[in-house]
Every structure is written in C-alpha cells, then in structure tokens.
C-alpha atoms as a PDB file:
ATOM      1  CA  UNK A   1       8.182 -21.433  23.221  1.00  0.00           C
ATOM      2  CA  UNK A   2       8.985 -21.499  19.532  1.00  0.00           C
ATOM      3  CA  UNK A   3       5.784 -19.613  18.876  1.00  0.00           C
ATOM      4  CA  UNK A   4       6.480 -16.746  21.259  1.00  0.00           C
ATOM      5  CA  UNK A   5       9.983 -16.483  19.898  1.00  0.00           C
ATOM      6  CA  UNK A   6       8.830 -15.989  16.339  1.00  0.00           C
ATOM      7  CA  UNK A   7       6.305 -13.475  17.631  1.00  0.00           C
ATOM      8  CA  UNK A   8       9.035 -11.389  19.261  1.00  0.00           C
ATOM      9  CA  UNK A   9      11.023 -11.501  16.082  1.00  0.00           C
ATOM     10  CA  UNK A  10       8.234  -9.981  14.000  1.00  0.00           C
ATOM     11  CA  UNK A  11       7.676  -7.425  16.750  1.00  0.00           C
ATOM     12  CA  UNK A  12      11.231  -6.065  16.456  1.00  0.00           C
ATOM     13  CA  UNK A  13      10.887  -6.039  12.702  1.00  0.00           C
ATOM     14  CA  UNK A  14       7.801  -3.844  12.966  1.00  0.00           C
ATOM     15  CA  UNK A  15       9.520  -1.365  15.288  1.00  0.00           C
ATOM     16  CA  UNK A  16      12.270  -1.103  12.720  1.00  0.00           C
ATOM     17  CA  UNK A  17       9.593  -0.222  10.163  1.00  0.00           C
ATOM     18  CA  UNK A  18       8.436   2.655  12.384  1.00  0.00           C
ATOM     19  CA  UNK A  19      11.978   3.911  12.893  1.00  0.00           C
ATOM     20  CA  UNK A  20      12.703   3.892   9.161  1.00  0.00           C
ATOM     21  CA  UNK A  21       9.516   5.820   8.487  1.00  0.00           C
ATOM     22  CA  UNK A  22      10.468   8.418  11.112  1.00  0.00           C
ATOM     23  CA  UNK A  23      13.865   8.992   9.504  1.00  0.00           C
ATOM     24  CA  UNK A  24      12.270   9.497   6.095  1.00  0.00           C
ATOM     25  CA  UNK A  25       9.710  11.901   7.588  1.00  0.00           C
ATOM     26  CA  UNK A  26      12.440  14.105   9.079  1.00  0.00           C
ATOM     27  CA  UNK A  27      14.490  14.021   5.877  1.00  0.00           C
ATOM     28  CA  UNK A  28      11.493  15.050   3.805  1.00  0.00           C
ATOM     29  CA  UNK A  29      10.564  17.930   6.103  1.00  0.00           C
ATOM     30  CA  UNK A  30      14.091  19.296   5.614  1.00  0.00           C
ATOM     31  CA  UNK A  31      13.924  18.924   1.820  1.00  0.00           C
ATOM     32  CA  UNK A  32      10.498  20.556   1.638  1.00  0.00           C
ATOM     33  CA  UNK A  33      11.633  23.578   3.615  1.00  0.00           C
ATOM     34  CA  UNK A  34      14.779  23.959   1.510  1.00  0.00           C
ATOM     35  CA  UNK A  35      12.840  23.701  -1.740  1.00  0.00           C
ATOM     36  CA  UNK A  36      10.172  26.202  -0.759  1.00  0.00           C
ATOM     37  CA  UNK A  37      12.843  28.777   0.067  1.00  0.00           C
ATOM     38  CA  UNK A  38      14.823  27.872  -3.047  1.00  0.00           C
ATOM     39  CA  UNK A  39      11.780  27.997  -5.282  1.00  0.00           C
ATOM     40  CA  UNK A  40      10.789  31.433  -4.036  1.00  0.00           C
ATOM     41  CA  UNK A  41      14.327  32.798  -4.357  1.00  0.00           C
ATOM     42  CA  UNK A  42      15.097  31.315  -7.792  1.00  0.00           C
ATOM     43  CA  UNK A  43      11.645  31.781  -9.304  1.00  0.00           C
ATOM     44  CA  UNK A  44      11.577  28.119 -10.318  1.00  0.00           C
ATOM     45  CA  UNK A  45       8.105  26.682 -10.478  1.00  0.00           C
ATOM     46  CA  UNK A  46       9.540  23.222 -10.827  1.00  0.00           C
ATOM     47  CA  UNK A  47      11.264  23.588  -7.467  1.00  0.00           C
ATOM     48  CA  UNK A  48       8.043  24.775  -5.874  1.00  0.00           C
ATOM     49  CA  UNK A  49       6.110  21.917  -7.441  1.00  0.00           C
ATOM     50  CA  UNK A  50       8.817  19.560  -6.212  1.00  0.00           C
ATOM     51  CA  UNK A  51       8.365  21.062  -2.752  1.00  0.00           C
ATOM     52  CA  UNK A  52       4.623  20.451  -2.983  1.00  0.00           C
ATOM     53  CA  UNK A  53       5.410  16.895  -3.985  1.00  0.00           C
ATOM     54  CA  UNK A  54       7.744  16.534  -1.029  1.00  0.00           C
ATOM     55  CA  UNK A  55       5.150  17.944   1.290  1.00  0.00           C
ATOM     56  CA  UNK A  56       2.685  15.319   0.058  1.00  0.00           C
ATOM     57  CA  UNK A  57       5.440  12.797   0.848  1.00  0.00           C
ATOM     58  CA  UNK A  58       5.653  14.047   4.395  1.00  0.00           C
ATOM     59  CA  UNK A  59       1.893  13.709   4.784  1.00  0.00           C
ATOM     60  CA  UNK A  60       1.813  10.240   3.252  1.00  0.00           C
ATOM     61  CA  UNK A  61       4.724   9.098   5.428  1.00  0.00           C
ATOM     62  CA  UNK A  62       2.977  10.407   8.526  1.00  0.00           C
ATOM     63  CA  UNK A  63      -0.186   8.541   7.503  1.00  0.00           C
ATOM     64  CA  UNK A  64       1.862   5.367   6.948  1.00  0.00           C
ATOM     65  CA  UNK A  65       3.679   5.814  10.245  1.00  0.00           C
ATOM     66  CA  UNK A  66       0.462   6.220  12.237  1.00  0.00           C
ATOM     67  CA  UNK A  67      -1.074   3.225  10.454  1.00  0.00           C
ATOM     68  CA  UNK A  68       1.990   1.066  11.108  1.00  0.00           C
ATOM     69  CA  UNK A  69       1.858   2.015  14.783  1.00  0.00           C
ATOM     70  CA  UNK A  70      -1.900   1.438  15.011  1.00  0.00           C
ATOM     71  CA  UNK A  71      -1.783  -1.921  13.260  1.00  0.00           C
ATOM     72  CA  UNK A  72       0.325  -3.276  16.145  1.00  0.00           C
ATOM     73  CA  UNK A  73      -2.281  -2.414  18.764  1.00  0.00           C
ATOM     74  CA  UNK A  74      -4.010  -5.347  20.391  1.00  0.00           C
ATOM     75  CA  UNK A  75      -7.600  -6.199  19.592  1.00  0.00           C
ATOM     76  CA  UNK A  76     -10.111  -5.145  22.223  1.00  0.00           C
ATOM     77  CA  UNK A  77     -13.784  -5.655  23.035  1.00  0.00           C
ATOM     78  CA  UNK A  78     -14.771  -2.676  20.894  1.00  0.00           C
ATOM     79  CA  UNK A  79     -12.208  -3.333  18.183  1.00  0.00           C
ATOM     80  CA  UNK A  80     -12.138  -7.069  17.708  1.00  0.00           C
ATOM     81  CA  UNK A  81      -9.824  -6.836  14.714  1.00  0.00           C
ATOM     82  CA  UNK A  82      -7.579  -4.271  16.402  1.00  0.00           C
ATOM     83  CA  UNK A  83      -6.332  -1.768  13.833  1.00  0.00           C
ATOM     84  CA  UNK A  84      -5.144  -4.311  11.321  1.00  0.00           C
ATOM     85  CA  UNK A  85      -6.965  -2.608   8.461  1.00  0.00           C
ATOM     86  CA  UNK A  86      -5.335   0.763   9.199  1.00  0.00           C
ATOM     87  CA  UNK A  87      -2.533  -0.023   6.781  1.00  0.00           C
ATOM     88  CA  UNK A  88      -4.924  -0.748   3.922  1.00  0.00           C
ATOM     89  CA  UNK A  89      -6.686   2.527   4.636  1.00  0.00           C
ATOM     90  CA  UNK A  90      -3.338   4.336   4.678  1.00  0.00           C
ATOM     91  CA  UNK A  91      -2.397   2.845   1.316  1.00  0.00           C
ATOM     92  CA  UNK A  92      -5.759   3.967  -0.059  1.00  0.00           C
ATOM     93  CA  UNK A  93      -5.232   7.528   1.200  1.00  0.00           C
ATOM     94  CA  UNK A  94      -1.667   7.654  -0.108  1.00  0.00           C
ATOM     95  CA  UNK A  95      -2.629   6.304  -3.512  1.00  0.00           C
ATOM     96  CA  UNK A  96      -5.336   8.950  -3.757  1.00  0.00           C
ATOM     97  CA  UNK A  97      -2.892  11.731  -2.921  1.00  0.00           C
ATOM     98  CA  UNK A  98      -0.429  10.388  -5.517  1.00  0.00           C
ATOM     99  CA  UNK A  99      -3.085  10.799  -8.192  1.00  0.00           C
ATOM    100  CA  UNK A 100      -4.164  14.235  -6.909  1.00  0.00           C
ATOM    101  CA  UNK A 101      -0.562  15.504  -6.854  1.00  0.00           C
ATOM    102  CA  UNK A 102      -0.143  14.201 -10.397  1.00  0.00           C
ATOM    103  CA  UNK A 103      -3.181  16.133 -11.618  1.00  0.00           C
ATOM    104  CA  UNK A 104      -1.896  19.336  -9.978  1.00  0.00           C
ATOM    105  CA  UNK A 105       1.505  18.787 -11.635  1.00  0.00           C
ATOM    106  CA  UNK A 106      -0.077  18.330 -15.079  1.00  0.00           C
ATOM    107  CA  UNK A 107      -2.031  21.562 -14.660  1.00  0.00           C
ATOM    108  CA  UNK A 108       1.165  23.404 -13.656  1.00  0.00           C
ATOM    109  CA  UNK A 109       3.191  21.937 -16.491  1.00  0.00           C
ATOM    110  CA  UNK A 110       0.615  22.987 -19.095  1.00  0.00           C
ATOM    111  CA  UNK A 111       0.424  26.540 -17.717  1.00  0.00           C
ATOM    112  CA  UNK A 112       4.193  26.846 -17.591  1.00  0.00           C
ATOM    113  CA  UNK A 113       4.542  25.421 -21.066  1.00  0.00           C
ATOM    114  CA  UNK A 114       2.504  28.370 -22.372  1.00  0.00           C
ATOM    115  CA  UNK A 115       4.700  30.975 -20.708  1.00  0.00           C
ATOM    116  CA  UNK A 116       8.198  29.677 -19.928  1.00  0.00           C
ATOM    117  CA  UNK A 117      10.019  31.703 -17.272  1.00  0.00           C
ATOM    118  CA  UNK A 118      13.673  32.469 -16.834  1.00  0.00           C
ATOM    119  CA  UNK A 119      14.989  30.857 -13.713  1.00  0.00           C
ATOM    120  CA  UNK A 120      18.078  31.001 -11.523  1.00  0.00           C
ATOM    121  CA  UNK A 121      19.338  27.604 -12.603  1.00  0.00           C
ATOM    122  CA  UNK A 122      22.262  27.216 -10.171  1.00  0.00           C
ATOM    123  CA  UNK A 123      19.973  27.151  -7.182  1.00  0.00           C
ATOM    124  CA  UNK A 124      17.674  24.701  -8.928  1.00  0.00           C
ATOM    125  CA  UNK A 125      20.586  22.366  -9.651  1.00  0.00           C
ATOM    126  CA  UNK A 126      21.883  22.345  -6.074  1.00  0.00           C
ATOM    127  CA  UNK A 127      18.514  21.935  -4.408  1.00  0.00           C
ATOM    128  CA  UNK A 128      17.421  19.152  -6.733  1.00  0.00           C
ATOM    129  CA  UNK A 129      20.682  17.330  -6.002  1.00  0.00           C
ATOM    130  CA  UNK A 130      20.003  17.517  -2.262  1.00  0.00           C
ATOM    131  CA  UNK A 131      16.487  16.177  -2.841  1.00  0.00           C
ATOM    132  CA  UNK A 132      17.748  13.325  -5.018  1.00  0.00           C
ATOM    133  CA  UNK A 133      20.158  12.161  -2.344  1.00  0.00           C
ATOM    134  CA  UNK A 134      17.746  12.504   0.549  1.00  0.00           C
ATOM    135  CA  UNK A 135      14.913  10.790  -1.331  1.00  0.00           C
ATOM    136  CA  UNK A 136      17.276   8.174  -2.698  1.00  0.00           C
ATOM    137  CA  UNK A 137      18.337   7.346   0.834  1.00  0.00           C
ATOM    138  CA  UNK A 138      14.686   7.123   1.921  1.00  0.00           C
ATOM    139  CA  UNK A 139      13.864   4.868  -1.028  1.00  0.00           C
ATOM    140  CA  UNK A 140      16.678   2.468  -0.151  1.00  0.00           C
ATOM    141  CA  UNK A 141      15.576   2.508   3.468  1.00  0.00           C
ATOM    142  CA  UNK A 142      12.029   1.392   2.659  1.00  0.00           C
ATOM    143  CA  UNK A 143      12.741  -0.767  -0.380  1.00  0.00           C
ATOM    144  CA  UNK A 144      12.906  -4.113   1.393  1.00  0.00           C
ATOM    145  CA  UNK A 145       9.686  -3.734   3.375  1.00  0.00           C
ATOM    146  CA  UNK A 146       7.757  -2.179   0.509  1.00  0.00           C
ATOM    147  CA  UNK A 147       7.463  -5.471  -1.346  1.00  0.00           C
ATOM    148  CA  UNK A 148       5.422  -7.224   1.332  1.00  0.00           C
ATOM    149  CA  UNK A 149       3.408  -4.460   2.958  1.00  0.00           C
ATOM    150  CA  UNK A 150       0.811  -2.407   1.107  1.00  0.00           C
ATOM    151  CA  UNK A 151       1.135   0.540   3.502  1.00  0.00           C
ATOM    152  CA  UNK A 152       4.907   0.863   3.104  1.00  0.00           C
ATOM    153  CA  UNK A 153       4.555   0.305  -0.627  1.00  0.00           C
ATOM    154  CA  UNK A 154       2.381   3.411  -0.869  1.00  0.00           C
ATOM    155  CA  UNK A 155       4.939   5.449   1.109  1.00  0.00           C
ATOM    156  CA  UNK A 156       7.780   4.020  -0.955  1.00  0.00           C
ATOM    157  CA  UNK A 157       6.061   4.970  -4.222  1.00  0.00           C
ATOM    158  CA  UNK A 158       5.615   8.548  -3.026  1.00  0.00           C
ATOM    159  CA  UNK A 159       9.347   8.730  -2.318  1.00  0.00           C
ATOM    160  CA  UNK A 160      10.404   6.976  -5.505  1.00  0.00           C
ATOM    161  CA  UNK A 161       8.329   9.213  -7.753  1.00  0.00           C
ATOM    162  CA  UNK A 162       9.600  12.176  -5.807  1.00  0.00           C
ATOM    163  CA  UNK A 163      13.158  11.135  -6.473  1.00  0.00           C
ATOM    164  CA  UNK A 164      12.359  10.866 -10.184  1.00  0.00           C
ATOM    165  CA  UNK A 165      10.772  14.312 -10.044  1.00  0.00           C
ATOM    166  CA  UNK A 166      13.953  15.722  -8.517  1.00  0.00           C
ATOM    167  CA  UNK A 167      16.030  14.056 -11.230  1.00  0.00           C
ATOM    168  CA  UNK A 168      13.776  15.751 -13.789  1.00  0.00           C
ATOM    169  CA  UNK A 169      14.202  19.095 -12.042  1.00  0.00           C
ATOM    170  CA  UNK A 170      17.979  18.579 -12.092  1.00  0.00           C
ATOM    171  CA  UNK A 171      18.014  17.797 -15.827  1.00  0.00           C
ATOM    172  CA  UNK A 172      15.778  20.798 -16.393  1.00  0.00           C
ATOM    173  CA  UNK A 173      18.156  22.982 -14.359  1.00  0.00           C
ATOM    174  CA  UNK A 174      21.195  21.827 -16.328  1.00  0.00           C
ATOM    175  CA  UNK A 175      19.482  22.334 -19.684  1.00  0.00           C
ATOM    176  CA  UNK A 176      18.378  25.790 -18.594  1.00  0.00           C
ATOM    177  CA  UNK A 177      21.875  26.684 -17.409  1.00  0.00           C
ATOM    178  CA  UNK A 178      23.702  25.591 -20.547  1.00  0.00           C
ATOM    179  CA  UNK A 179      21.116  25.780 -23.316  1.00  0.00           C
ATOM    180  CA  UNK A 180      18.404  28.149 -22.016  1.00  0.00           C
ATOM    181  CA  UNK A 181      15.808  25.468 -22.780  1.00  0.00           C
ATOM    182  CA  UNK A 182      13.219  26.594 -20.272  1.00  0.00           C
ATOM    183  CA  UNK A 183      10.394  24.453 -21.670  1.00  0.00           C
ATOM    184  CA  UNK A 184      12.138  21.190 -20.741  1.00  0.00           C
ATOM    185  CA  UNK A 185      11.093  21.875 -17.156  1.00  0.00           C
ATOM    186  CA  UNK A 186       7.426  21.595 -18.160  1.00  0.00           C
ATOM    187  CA  UNK A 187       7.858  18.522 -20.297  1.00  0.00           C
ATOM    188  CA  UNK A 188       9.624  16.628 -17.509  1.00  0.00           C
ATOM    189  CA  UNK A 189       6.978  17.614 -14.980  1.00  0.00           C
ATOM    190  CA  UNK A 190       4.330  16.261 -17.331  1.00  0.00           C
ATOM    191  CA  UNK A 191       6.119  12.936 -17.766  1.00  0.00           C
ATOM    192  CA  UNK A 192       6.537  12.492 -14.008  1.00  0.00           C
ATOM    193  CA  UNK A 193       2.869  13.268 -13.444  1.00  0.00           C
ATOM    194  CA  UNK A 194       1.779  10.644 -15.956  1.00  0.00           C
ATOM    195  CA  UNK A 195       4.008   8.078 -14.281  1.00  0.00           C
ATOM    196  CA  UNK A 196       2.482   9.032 -10.924  1.00  0.00           C
ATOM    197  CA  UNK A 197      -1.033   8.408 -12.189  1.00  0.00           C
ATOM    198  CA  UNK A 198       0.031   5.069 -13.602  1.00  0.00           C
ATOM    199  CA  UNK A 199       1.488   3.859 -10.288  1.00  0.00           C
ATOM    200  CA  UNK A 200      -1.086   5.507  -8.057  1.00  0.00           C
ATOM    201  CA  UNK A 201      -3.992   4.005  -9.940  1.00  0.00           C
ATOM    202  CA  UNK A 202      -2.726   0.473  -9.491  1.00  0.00           C
ATOM    203  CA  UNK A 203      -2.303   0.957  -5.751  1.00  0.00           C
ATOM    204  CA  UNK A 204      -5.710   2.597  -5.501  1.00  0.00           C
ATOM    205  CA  UNK A 205      -7.273  -0.408  -7.214  1.00  0.00           C
ATOM    206  CA  UNK A 206      -5.564  -2.937  -4.922  1.00  0.00           C
ATOM    207  CA  UNK A 207      -6.394  -1.106  -1.703  1.00  0.00           C
ATOM    208  CA  UNK A 208      -9.994  -0.499  -2.784  1.00  0.00           C
ATOM    209  CA  UNK A 209     -10.468  -4.204  -3.475  1.00  0.00           C
ATOM    210  CA  UNK A 210      -9.195  -4.989   0.007  1.00  0.00           C
ATOM    211  CA  UNK A 211     -11.428  -2.384   1.624  1.00  0.00           C
ATOM    212  CA  UNK A 212     -14.427  -3.793  -0.242  1.00  0.00           C
ATOM    213  CA  UNK A 213     -13.515  -7.285   1.023  1.00  0.00           C
ATOM    214  CA  UNK A 214     -13.302  -8.607  -2.529  1.00  0.00           C
ATOM    215  CA  UNK A 215     -11.865 -12.088  -2.963  1.00  0.00           C
ATOM    216  CA  UNK A 216      -8.075 -11.727  -3.436  1.00  0.00           C
ATOM    217  CA  UNK A 217      -6.892 -12.011  -7.054  1.00  0.00           C
ATOM    218  CA  UNK A 218      -4.903 -15.193  -6.547  1.00  0.00           C
ATOM    219  CA  UNK A 219      -7.796 -17.110  -4.995  1.00  0.00           C
ATOM    220  CA  UNK A 220     -10.371 -18.987  -7.024  1.00  0.00           C
ATOM    221  CA  UNK A 221     -13.306 -19.750  -4.722  1.00  0.00           C
ATOM    222  CA  UNK A 222     -14.453 -22.634  -6.928  1.00  0.00           C
ATOM    223  CA  UNK A 223     -11.052 -24.308  -6.472  1.00  0.00           C
ATOM    224  CA  UNK A 224     -11.273 -23.842  -2.717  1.00  0.00           C
ATOM    225  CA  UNK A 225     -14.759 -25.379  -2.583  1.00  0.00           C
ATOM    226  CA  UNK A 226     -13.739 -28.265  -4.841  1.00  0.00           C
ATOM    227  CA  UNK A 227     -10.751 -29.066  -2.621  1.00  0.00           C
ATOM    228  CA  UNK A 228     -12.794 -29.060   0.593  1.00  0.00           C
ATOM    229  CA  UNK A 229     -15.651 -31.079  -0.960  1.00  0.00           C
ATOM    230  CA  UNK A 230     -13.204 -33.911  -1.666  1.00  0.00           C
ATOM    231  CA  UNK A 231     -12.600 -34.506   2.049  1.00  0.00           C
ATOM    232  CA  UNK A 232     -14.376 -37.469   3.712  1.00  0.00           C
ATOM    233  CA  UNK A 233     -17.822 -36.798   5.253  1.00  0.00           C
ATOM    234  CA  UNK A 234     -18.091 -33.440   3.503  1.00  0.00           C
ATOM    235  CA  UNK A 235     -21.121 -32.895   1.331  1.00  0.00           C
ATOM    236  CA  UNK A 236     -20.713 -29.259   0.368  1.00  0.00           C
ATOM    237  CA  UNK A 237     -18.911 -26.081   1.418  1.00  0.00           C
ATOM    238  CA  UNK A 238     -21.189 -23.082   0.840  1.00  0.00           C
ATOM    239  CA  UNK A 239     -21.966 -19.517   2.004  1.00  0.00           C
ATOM    240  CA  UNK A 240     -18.292 -18.839   1.357  1.00  0.00           C
ATOM    241  CA  UNK A 241     -16.573 -15.511   2.062  1.00  0.00           C
ATOM    242  CA  UNK A 242     -12.836 -15.037   1.567  1.00  0.00           C
ATOM    243  CA  UNK A 243     -11.172 -11.712   2.227  1.00  0.00           C
ATOM    244  CA  UNK A 244      -7.945  -9.982   3.230  1.00  0.00           C
ATOM    245  CA  UNK A 245      -8.084  -8.606   6.731  1.00  0.00           C
ATOM    246  CA  UNK A 246      -4.636  -7.135   6.221  1.00  0.00           C
ATOM    247  CA  UNK A 247      -1.800  -7.753   3.814  1.00  0.00           C
ATOM    248  CA  UNK A 248      -0.834 -10.945   5.587  1.00  0.00           C
ATOM    249  CA  UNK A 249      -4.102 -12.243   6.937  1.00  0.00           C
ATOM    250  CA  UNK A 250      -6.531 -14.090   4.734  1.00  0.00           C
ATOM    251  CA  UNK A 251      -9.864 -15.083   6.262  1.00  0.00           C
ATOM    252  CA  UNK A 252     -12.402 -17.668   5.158  1.00  0.00           C
ATOM    253  CA  UNK A 253     -15.836 -18.108   6.619  1.00  0.00           C
ATOM    254  CA  UNK A 254     -18.327 -20.674   5.344  1.00  0.00           C
ATOM    255  CA  UNK A 255     -21.034 -23.197   6.116  1.00  0.00           C
ATOM    256  CA  UNK A 256     -20.109 -26.855   5.798  1.00  0.00           C
ATOM    257  CA  UNK A 257     -22.842 -29.303   4.905  1.00  0.00           C
ATOM    258  CA  UNK A 258     -21.936 -32.813   6.139  1.00  0.00           C
ATOM    259  CA  UNK A 259     -22.991 -36.189   4.755  1.00  0.00           C
ATOM    260  CA  UNK A 260     -23.583 -37.697   8.182  1.00  0.00           C
ATOM    261  CA  UNK A 261     -24.432 -36.644  11.709  1.00  0.00           C
ATOM    262  CA  UNK A 262     -20.890 -36.750  13.103  1.00  0.00           C
ATOM    263  CA  UNK A 263     -19.866 -35.989  16.681  1.00  0.00           C
ATOM    264  CA  UNK A 264     -18.210 -32.722  17.618  1.00  0.00           C
ATOM    265  CA  UNK A 265     -14.941 -34.559  18.197  1.00  0.00           C
ATOM    266  CA  UNK A 266     -15.046 -35.953  14.668  1.00  0.00           C
ATOM    267  CA  UNK A 267     -15.859 -32.481  13.371  1.00  0.00           C
ATOM    268  CA  UNK A 268     -12.806 -31.097  15.188  1.00  0.00           C
ATOM    269  CA  UNK A 269     -10.611 -33.611  13.364  1.00  0.00           C
ATOM    270  CA  UNK A 270     -12.200 -32.673  10.062  1.00  0.00           C
ATOM    271  CA  UNK A 271     -11.672 -29.006  10.847  1.00  0.00           C
ATOM    272  CA  UNK A 272      -7.955 -29.612  11.388  1.00  0.00           C
ATOM    273  CA  UNK A 273      -7.789 -31.246   7.955  1.00  0.00           C
ATOM    274  CA  UNK A 274      -9.629 -28.336   6.361  1.00  0.00           C
ATOM    275  CA  UNK A 275      -7.407 -25.756   8.064  1.00  0.00           C
ATOM    276  CA  UNK A 276      -4.248 -27.565   6.936  1.00  0.00           C
ATOM    277  CA  UNK A 277      -5.561 -27.869   3.367  1.00  0.00           C
ATOM    278  CA  UNK A 278      -6.597 -24.206   3.147  1.00  0.00           C
ATOM    279  CA  UNK A 279      -3.345 -23.028   4.674  1.00  0.00           C
ATOM    280  CA  UNK A 280      -1.048 -25.124   2.491  1.00  0.00           C
ATOM    281  CA  UNK A 281      -2.874 -24.779  -0.822  1.00  0.00           C
ATOM    282  CA  UNK A 282      -4.395 -21.316  -0.608  1.00  0.00           C
ATOM    283  CA  UNK A 283      -2.490 -19.425   2.122  1.00  0.00           C
ATOM    284  CA  UNK A 284      -5.705 -18.921   4.082  1.00  0.00           C
ATOM    285  CA  UNK A 285      -4.701 -18.517   7.698  1.00  0.00           C
ATOM    286  CA  UNK A 286      -7.967 -17.895   9.496  1.00  0.00           C
ATOM    287  CA  UNK A 287     -10.900 -20.267   9.093  1.00  0.00           C
ATOM    288  CA  UNK A 288     -14.388 -20.036  10.584  1.00  0.00           C
ATOM    289  CA  UNK A 289     -16.762 -22.854   9.665  1.00  0.00           C
ATOM    290  CA  UNK A 290     -20.342 -23.550  10.658  1.00  0.00           C
ATOM    291  CA  UNK A 291     -21.106 -27.297  10.479  1.00  0.00           C
ATOM    292  CA  UNK A 292     -24.539 -28.389   9.233  1.00  0.00           C
ATOM    293  CA  UNK A 293     -26.396 -31.647   8.764  1.00  0.00           C
ATOM    294  CA  UNK A 294     -29.877 -31.833   7.242  1.00  0.00           C
ATOM    295  CA  UNK A 295     -30.248 -28.076   7.727  1.00  0.00           C
ATOM    296  CA  UNK A 296     -32.652 -26.244   5.464  1.00  0.00           C
ATOM    297  CA  UNK A 297     -30.740 -23.339   3.977  1.00  0.00           C
ATOM    298  CA  UNK A 298     -29.603 -22.307   0.506  1.00  0.00           C
ATOM    299  CA  UNK A 299     -26.637 -24.424  -0.531  1.00  0.00           C
ATOM    300  CA  UNK A 300     -25.193 -22.024  -3.085  1.00  0.00           C
ATOM    301  CA  UNK A 301     -21.487 -21.327  -2.810  1.00  0.00           C
ATOM    302  CA  UNK A 302     -22.061 -17.564  -2.611  1.00  0.00           C
ATOM    303  CA  UNK A 303     -25.061 -16.247  -0.708  1.00  0.00           C
ATOM    304  CA  UNK A 304     -25.696 -12.551  -0.168  1.00  0.00           C
ATOM    305  CA  UNK A 305     -26.765 -12.326   3.462  1.00  0.00           C
END
C-alpha cells in the first residue's frame, strides 16, 4: 500500500510539471508575437533578437513538454525502457539551441555595433518590461523542479537567459531614450550571448555524457567494486557497466565471480545485500548481476563487449 501511495504522489507531481510548462509556453508565444510587432514598428534590432530568443524558448519548452509527457509512458514490448531517456534528449536539444541562439546574437551584436541605428526607445522600454515580467513569472514557476530534472533545467535556463536579455534590452532602451547611447544595445546583446554559451555548454556536456552512457561523475567504479568484493563469498565483481537511464535512475550491470558453488537461494540473499549496499552507498537503484563460479571469462573490471 505504502508503495502505491508514493507512486501516486510522484504522478501528481509530474502532471504539475506539465501544467507549468504549458503556462510558460502560452506566455512565451504572447511575448514573441508582441516583440516581433514591436521590433518591426520601432526598428529595434534588439527587440527582434529578443523575439527570436523568445521563439527559441517556445520551441525548447515544447520539446521539454513533449519529453516530460513521453517520459511518463509505460514501458512496452518494443520500448522496454519506455521513454525515460526522452528528457535527456530534450535537454541535449535545448542546450544545443541555447548555444546556436548565442552565436546568432553575437553575429547580430557585432553587425549592429558597426552601424548603430536610431530606435523608437519608448516602445522598446515597454515591450522589454512585459517580457521581463512574463519570463520572470515563468522562471519562478519552473525554479523548484529545475534543480532535480535535467529536462526542466534546460527549459529553465532558456527562460532565465531570456529574462536577462530582456533586462539588457530595457537598459539599452533607457540609455537610448535619455543619453542616445545606441551602441549599448550591442554591448549588452554580446554579454548575454557569452553567458548563454557558458550555461549551454555545461548542459550540453552533461546531457551528452548521459546519452553516451558514461559513468556518472559522482561514481567511482573502483570504489563500487571494492565495496562489493568485501562481501562474503564474493571473489570479484567484473564486466561492470554503470549508467544513468534518466536523471533519477542509475543502473548497474555486472558479472559476479563467486568463491564457492553456492545455491540459488544463497545467491538471492547475497543479491539483497549487494542491492542494499549499492543503493545506500552509491544511489544505484537498478542492479543486474550475472553470478559465476569457475567460469572461464576475462575478469577485468571493464570489458568492452
């Protein structure tokens, strides 16, 4: 009973995630539309680039939303892992678009720096304010979940950097209005773009490592092997693979060489010990082990199959 209860709890939590993403999607569509119109009317490139940025937000939020929905689908015969990796893929896509948007922004900023344009600053100021509030609301909405879910983190970063971009546009607008400093617009765009690359790169690295099934940073395979080898009747844990299936699921598969020819019942007891050890010490929550005794195969810890 306790188990099913906790399951229902996480289920509601995930639906909430979807609802929050939907709200941010709608908000961002509105901002994008407003900024495109405003940019064309005022002649402000920074507003248009902000609109482009917002549009990339909409796309990344849609990607995150679909991934969040998919990741809840049950596993099936053809998809034995379900869609649990969809969120990692979404984070990868969103991190890539963050970097691409940044490169486009840098290109724009450099071009605009060479020929500053006069701009209707009032419109810029009002539209950037709207964007700051809408994005700020979205950021607050996703903040909590972003810390423990790589997919939502990628969406959250899009929104956060977008909010910063709008702040920059606002400052630019004010400086243009009162001091006619049209070049500030370019400088701010450049700074935002650099920040985007900095954040996007980190996320790209993390999601790539997960997609490549690399051993998670916080796990030292040698420590894992050492811990298991200390258990009674264990000779050696080898052929080890440890990887993240999703943000919250860490899998281990390995061969276990035993010191004696134990019965299956005894092996089951040993397996319970191993599972408890791996779960408590290393947060590994899915263990697949092949028992062996006197079997001729390479006993190295890592074997490339």
